[in-house]
């Protein structure tokens, strides 16, 4: 059996290792099958340094027309699965045409790469960064190996962060004002606010605050919107009275949030909304939605 594997399998193995693999932080990433894997984590302007090792199968040689490594930033839209849009593409030639008879190691370095977009695994879209090693061959298929890594970018705290004030009204039945202390939140922030009941003539059973994420992919008539509720926070259970005010404190850290992404490479956006939901005794639901901005704080 081993003989058969050697006969029909690739004549070598390729491994890609980062120079600081032992000490580099890792990101916990959920794959499509639901499993969670740890992937090396980089910031958006770091150098990507390491080495490629090629090990020929004993008794075999690898004839090639060149060895190269590429650093690729790619967007994949799931309705166009298998088509990758490269927004970053860098290449380093590792070897000239020749033969590999024994283990060979090639150092590589991509200096201060501008990786402006964060890695993202969404409902309908994926943004990923990979290293791709290719051994080119004339009379056989190329031998290719990939290694994923994850990118995050940090933002300074915004200089201007206005509060949000809104009104919800049903004529002659209900008049509510709600206020949030700011409109931009970092991933570990707390949403603080108040709700004022100015007129209450319908019987409200309960009220909740939702955090909703809306992922938009494509453009024009081919735009796909996917909304999901990430958090539900019950503000009140029971009927409010006129003049009552209810405080809100909602911690963001327990939830699986990303920053807000706006029109990433003209391919997708991710936006977040606070959705106030009121339910009356006849189970009618009233909504008021407000967009907020989420960022990754330094």
Protein backbone atom coordinates (compact mmCIF):
# COMPACT_ATOMS: atom_id res chain seq x y z
CA UNK A 1 0.00 0.00 0.00
CA UNK A 2 2.80 2.43 0.86
CA UNK A 3 4.33 1.69 -2.51
CA UNK A 4 1.06 2.67 -4.22
CA UNK A 5 0.83 5.92 -2.26
CA UNK A 6 4.38 6.74 -3.28
CA UNK A 7 3.60 5.91 -6.90
CA UNK A 8 0.52 8.08 -7.29
CA UNK A 9 0.88 10.70 -4.56
CA UNK A 10 2.95 13.89 -4.82
CA UNK A 11 6.73 13.29 -4.81
CA UNK A 12 7.25 15.61 -1.85
CA UNK A 13 5.58 17.29 1.13
CA UNK A 14 5.52 21.05 1.73
CA UNK A 15 5.29 22.76 5.11
CA UNK A 16 4.96 26.50 5.76
CA UNK A 17 6.04 27.83 9.17
CA UNK A 18 5.99 31.36 10.59
CA UNK A 19 9.22 32.57 12.18
CA UNK A 20 7.56 33.40 15.52
CA UNK A 21 5.01 30.57 15.54
CA UNK A 22 5.76 29.67 19.17
CA UNK A 23 5.02 33.13 20.56
CA UNK A 24 2.49 34.59 18.10
CA UNK A 25 -1.08 35.05 19.30
CA UNK A 26 -3.74 32.91 17.68
CA UNK A 27 -7.33 33.61 16.72
CA UNK A 28 -10.12 31.14 17.35
CA UNK A 29 -11.95 30.74 14.04
CA UNK A 30 -15.12 28.77 13.36
CA UNK A 31 -15.01 26.75 10.15
CA UNK A 32 -17.98 25.95 7.89
CA UNK A 33 -18.43 22.54 9.52
CA UNK A 34 -18.84 24.22 12.93
CA UNK A 35 -15.45 23.18 14.25
CA UNK A 36 -13.22 25.81 15.83
CA UNK A 37 -9.54 26.02 14.86
CA UNK A 38 -6.67 28.22 16.02
CA UNK A 39 -5.05 30.34 13.30
CA UNK A 40 -1.96 32.63 13.61
CA UNK A 41 -3.03 36.23 14.19
CA UNK A 42 -1.45 39.25 12.48
CA UNK A 43 -2.09 42.99 12.60
CA UNK A 44 -2.77 44.79 9.35
CA UNK A 45 0.71 46.28 8.87
CA UNK A 46 2.98 43.52 10.17
CA UNK A 47 5.72 41.71 8.30
CA UNK A 48 4.97 38.09 7.45
CA UNK A 49 8.18 36.09 7.89
CA UNK A 50 8.92 32.38 7.96
CA UNK A 51 10.26 29.45 6.01
CA UNK A 52 9.08 26.86 3.52
CA UNK A 53 10.36 23.30 3.83
CA UNK A 54 10.16 20.81 0.98
CA UNK A 55 10.74 17.13 1.80
CA UNK A 56 11.00 14.75 -1.20
CA UNK A 57 9.61 11.24 -0.74
CA UNK A 58 12.60 8.89 -0.09
CA UNK A 59 14.01 7.63 -3.37
CA UNK A 60 12.28 10.33 -5.42
CA UNK A 61 13.45 13.61 -6.90
CA UNK A 62 11.33 16.68 -7.65
CA UNK A 63 11.99 18.20 -11.05
CA UNK A 64 10.53 21.69 -11.24
CA UNK A 65 10.50 24.89 -13.27
CA UNK A 66 10.51 27.13 -10.20
CA UNK A 67 9.23 27.47 -6.64
CA UNK A 68 7.33 30.54 -5.44
CA UNK A 69 5.33 31.73 -2.44
CA UNK A 70 2.39 34.14 -2.67
CA UNK A 71 0.61 36.16 -0.01
CA UNK A 72 -3.02 36.51 -1.08
CA UNK A 73 -5.95 38.46 0.34
CA UNK A 74 -9.17 37.03 -1.09
CA UNK A 75 -12.93 37.57 -0.91
CA UNK A 76 -15.24 34.65 -1.66
CA UNK A 77 -18.97 35.22 -2.12
CA UNK A 78 -20.85 32.01 -1.35
CA UNK A 79 -23.41 32.50 -4.14
CA UNK A 80 -20.38 32.53 -6.47
CA UNK A 81 -18.57 29.75 -4.63
CA UNK A 82 -15.15 28.86 -5.92
CA UNK A 83 -14.55 32.32 -7.40
CA UNK A 84 -12.04 34.29 -5.36
CA UNK A 85 -11.48 38.03 -5.77
CA UNK A 86 -7.86 38.90 -4.95
CA UNK A 87 -7.48 42.36 -3.40
CA UNK A 88 -3.87 41.70 -2.26
CA UNK A 89 -1.38 39.63 -4.24
CA UNK A 90 2.36 39.54 -3.49
CA UNK A 91 4.86 36.98 -4.74
CA UNK A 92 8.40 35.90 -3.84
CA UNK A 93 10.42 33.58 -6.06
CA UNK A 94 12.08 30.92 -3.88
CA UNK A 95 13.99 28.79 -6.36
CA UNK A 96 15.11 28.71 -10.01
CA UNK A 97 14.30 25.67 -12.19
CA UNK A 98 16.12 22.51 -11.16
CA UNK A 99 15.82 19.37 -9.04
CA UNK A 100 15.19 18.79 -5.34
CA UNK A 101 16.81 15.57 -4.16
CA UNK A 102 16.70 16.10 -0.39
CA UNK A 103 15.07 18.36 2.17
CA UNK A 104 15.35 22.01 1.16
CA UNK A 105 14.45 25.03 3.26
CA UNK A 106 13.61 28.48 1.88
CA UNK A 107 13.24 31.57 4.10
CA UNK A 108 10.65 34.13 3.01
CA UNK A 109 9.64 37.64 4.08
CA UNK A 110 6.81 39.97 3.12
CA UNK A 111 7.79 43.27 4.78
CA UNK A 112 5.14 45.49 6.41
CA UNK A 113 2.32 44.22 4.24
CA UNK A 114 -0.69 46.51 4.02
CA UNK A 115 -3.57 44.23 4.98
CA UNK A 116 -6.24 46.90 5.23
CA UNK A 117 -9.25 44.60 5.62
CA UNK A 118 -9.96 42.29 8.54
CA UNK A 119 -10.43 38.55 8.09
CA UNK A 120 -14.13 37.66 8.23
CA UNK A 121 -16.25 34.50 8.04
CA UNK A 122 -19.85 35.50 7.43
CA UNK A 123 -23.13 33.94 6.36
CA UNK A 124 -22.66 34.64 2.64
CA UNK A 125 -19.08 35.89 2.36
CA UNK A 126 -15.57 35.08 3.51
CA UNK A 127 -12.50 37.32 3.55
CA UNK A 128 -9.27 35.41 4.09
CA UNK A 129 -5.50 35.75 3.92
CA UNK A 130 -3.36 32.81 2.83
CA UNK A 131 0.20 31.88 1.98
CA UNK A 132 0.35 29.74 -1.16
CA UNK A 133 3.46 27.78 -2.17
CA UNK A 134 3.61 26.48 -5.73
CA UNK A 135 6.17 24.04 -7.16
CA UNK A 136 5.75 24.46 -10.93
CA UNK A 137 6.32 21.40 -13.11
CA UNK A 138 6.46 21.00 -16.91
CA UNK A 139 5.08 17.50 -17.44
CA UNK A 140 2.97 17.02 -14.31
CA UNK A 141 0.47 18.99 -12.27
CA UNK A 142 1.88 21.69 -10.02
CA UNK A 143 2.28 20.89 -6.33
CA UNK A 144 0.51 23.47 -4.16
CA UNK A 145 0.29 24.01 -0.39
CA UNK A 146 -1.74 26.63 1.53
CA UNK A 147 -1.56 28.13 5.01
CA UNK A 148 -4.23 30.41 6.45
CA UNK A 149 -3.66 33.28 8.84
CA UNK A 150 -6.01 35.79 10.44
CA UNK A 151 -5.82 39.60 10.33
CA UNK A 152 -7.26 42.15 12.75
CA UNK A 153 -7.02 45.94 12.63
CA UNK A 154 -7.39 48.30 15.58
CA UNK A 155 -8.97 51.75 15.49
CA UNK A 156 -8.43 54.75 17.78
CA UNK A 157 -11.36 55.85 19.90
CA UNK A 158 -13.50 58.29 17.88
CA UNK A 159 -12.99 61.98 18.63
CA UNK A 160 -16.71 62.67 18.11
CA UNK A 161 -19.24 60.22 19.52
CA UNK A 162 -22.70 61.74 19.59
CA UNK A 163 -25.55 60.38 21.64
CA UNK A 164 -28.63 58.89 19.96
CA UNK A 165 -32.08 60.34 20.72
CA UNK A 166 -35.17 58.94 19.05
CA UNK A 167 -38.92 58.86 19.43
CA UNK A 168 -41.37 56.02 18.87
CA UNK A 169 -45.00 56.98 18.44
CA UNK A 170 -48.38 55.57 17.56
CA UNK A 171 -50.79 58.45 17.28
CA UNK A 172 -52.85 58.98 20.46
CA UNK A 173 -51.77 55.55 21.75
CA UNK A 174 -48.08 55.51 22.53
CA UNK A 175 -45.23 58.00 22.74
CA UNK A 176 -41.78 56.86 23.83
CA UNK A 177 -38.40 58.59 23.78
CA UNK A 178 -35.22 56.63 24.04
CA UNK A 179 -31.69 57.83 24.41
CA UNK A 180 -28.33 56.03 24.14
CA UNK A 181 -25.23 57.72 25.52
CA UNK A 182 -23.25 57.33 22.27
CA UNK A 183 -23.49 55.99 18.73
CA UNK A 184 -20.08 54.28 18.40
CA UNK A 185 -19.04 51.35 20.60
CA UNK A 186 -15.94 49.19 20.88
CA UNK A 187 -16.26 45.41 21.06
CA UNK A 188 -16.01 45.28 24.88
CA UNK A 189 -18.19 48.33 25.48
CA UNK A 190 -21.45 48.78 27.40
CA UNK A 191 -24.58 50.25 25.84
CA UNK A 192 -26.03 52.68 28.35
CA UNK A 193 -29.34 54.43 27.81
CA UNK A 194 -32.79 55.35 29.06
CA UNK A 195 -36.34 54.94 27.82
CA UNK A 196 -39.02 57.48 28.72
CA UNK A 197 -42.75 56.75 28.48
CA UNK A 198 -44.58 59.98 27.64
CA UNK A 199 -47.93 58.51 26.61
CA UNK A 200 -49.15 54.95 27.19
CA UNK A 201 -52.66 54.01 26.09
CA UNK A 202 -51.99 50.48 24.92
CA UNK A 203 -51.22 47.60 27.22
CA UNK A 204 -47.58 46.71 26.73
CA UNK A 205 -46.68 43.20 27.89
CA UNK A 206 -42.92 43.44 27.62
CA UNK A 207 -40.13 45.24 25.86
CA UNK A 208 -36.70 44.06 24.71
CA UNK A 209 -33.60 45.41 23.04
CA UNK A 210 -31.94 43.38 20.27
CA UNK A 211 -28.54 43.64 18.66
CA UNK A 212 -28.91 42.76 14.99
CA UNK A 213 -26.24 42.23 12.36
CA UNK A 214 -26.99 42.80 8.70
CA UNK A 215 -24.56 41.40 6.14
CA UNK A 216 -24.98 42.76 2.59
CA UNK A 217 -23.18 41.09 -0.31
CA UNK A 218 -23.11 41.88 -4.01
CA UNK A 219 -24.41 45.12 -5.50
CA UNK A 220 -27.42 46.56 -7.30
CA UNK A 221 -30.10 43.97 -8.17
CA UNK A 222 -27.74 41.20 -7.05
CA UNK A 223 -27.56 42.40 -3.45
CA UNK A 224 -28.18 39.75 -0.79
CA UNK A 225 -29.08 40.89 2.74
CA UNK A 226 -28.79 38.49 5.65
CA UNK A 227 -29.93 39.64 9.10
CA UNK A 228 -29.39 37.78 12.34
CA UNK A 229 -30.26 38.59 15.93
CA UNK A 230 -27.14 38.26 18.07
CA UNK A 231 -28.54 39.34 21.44
CA UNK A 232 -31.88 39.86 23.16
CA UNK A 233 -32.06 41.86 26.34
CA UNK A 234 -35.36 42.16 28.19
CA UNK A 235 -35.76 45.73 29.32
CA UNK A 236 -39.14 45.45 30.98
CA UNK A 237 -41.74 42.84 31.86
CA UNK A 238 -45.12 44.31 32.66
CA UNK A 239 -47.07 47.46 31.83
CA UNK A 240 -45.32 50.83 32.08
CA UNK A 241 -47.08 54.01 33.17
CA UNK A 242 -46.83 57.53 31.86
CA UNK A 243 -43.78 59.39 33.14
CA UNK A 244 -41.83 56.23 33.88
CA UNK A 245 -38.22 55.92 32.75
CA UNK A 246 -36.28 52.65 32.43
CA UNK A 247 -32.48 52.44 32.40
CA UNK A 248 -30.58 50.25 29.90
CA UNK A 249 -27.20 48.59 30.44
CA UNK A 250 -26.21 46.03 27.82
CA UNK A 251 -22.68 44.58 27.86
CA UNK A 252 -21.30 43.74 24.41
CA UNK A 253 -18.38 41.51 25.44
CA UNK A 254 -20.39 38.22 25.73
CA UNK A 255 -21.49 38.42 22.08
CA UNK A 256 -19.71 37.32 18.94
CA UNK A 257 -19.40 40.72 17.26
CA UNK A 258 -17.07 42.06 14.59
CA UNK A 259 -16.40 45.71 13.79
CA UNK A 260 -18.69 47.48 11.34
CA UNK A 261 -17.42 46.92 7.79
CA UNK A 262 -18.49 49.42 5.14
CA UNK A 263 -18.31 48.48 1.47
CA UNK A 264 -15.26 46.23 1.68
CA UNK A 265 -13.64 46.21 -1.76
CA UNK A 266 -17.11 46.92 -3.25
CA UNK A 267 -18.09 43.35 -2.31
CA UNK A 268 -19.79 43.39 1.10
CA UNK A 269 -20.78 45.37 4.19
CA UNK A 270 -21.54 44.39 7.78
CA UNK A 271 -23.67 46.76 9.86
CA UNK A 272 -25.09 46.61 13.37
CA UNK A 273 -28.42 47.88 14.69
CA UNK A 274 -30.09 48.35 18.04
CA UNK A 275 -33.68 47.19 17.62
CA UNK A 276 -36.23 48.20 20.25
CA UNK A 277 -39.18 45.77 20.32
CA UNK A 278 -42.45 46.36 22.19
CA UNK A 279 -45.06 43.60 22.48
CA UNK A 280 -48.64 44.37 23.56
CA UNK A 281 -51.11 42.00 25.22
CA UNK A 282 -52.45 40.94 21.83
CA UNK A 283 -48.90 39.99 20.79
CA UNK A 284 -48.61 42.80 18.29
CA UNK A 285 -45.00 43.88 17.92
CA UNK A 286 -43.70 47.41 17.46
CA UNK A 287 -40.15 48.07 16.28
CA UNK A 288 -37.71 50.95 16.18
CA UNK A 289 -34.27 50.35 14.72
CA UNK A 290 -31.13 52.47 14.94
CA UNK A 291 -27.74 51.81 13.36
CA UNK A 292 -24.67 51.88 15.60
CA UNK A 293 -20.98 51.69 14.69
CA UNK A 294 -18.77 49.03 16.27
CA UNK A 295 -14.96 49.24 16.19
CA UNK A 296 -11.99 47.29 17.54
CA UNK A 297 -10.32 49.50 20.14
CA UNK A 298 -6.53 49.78 20.43
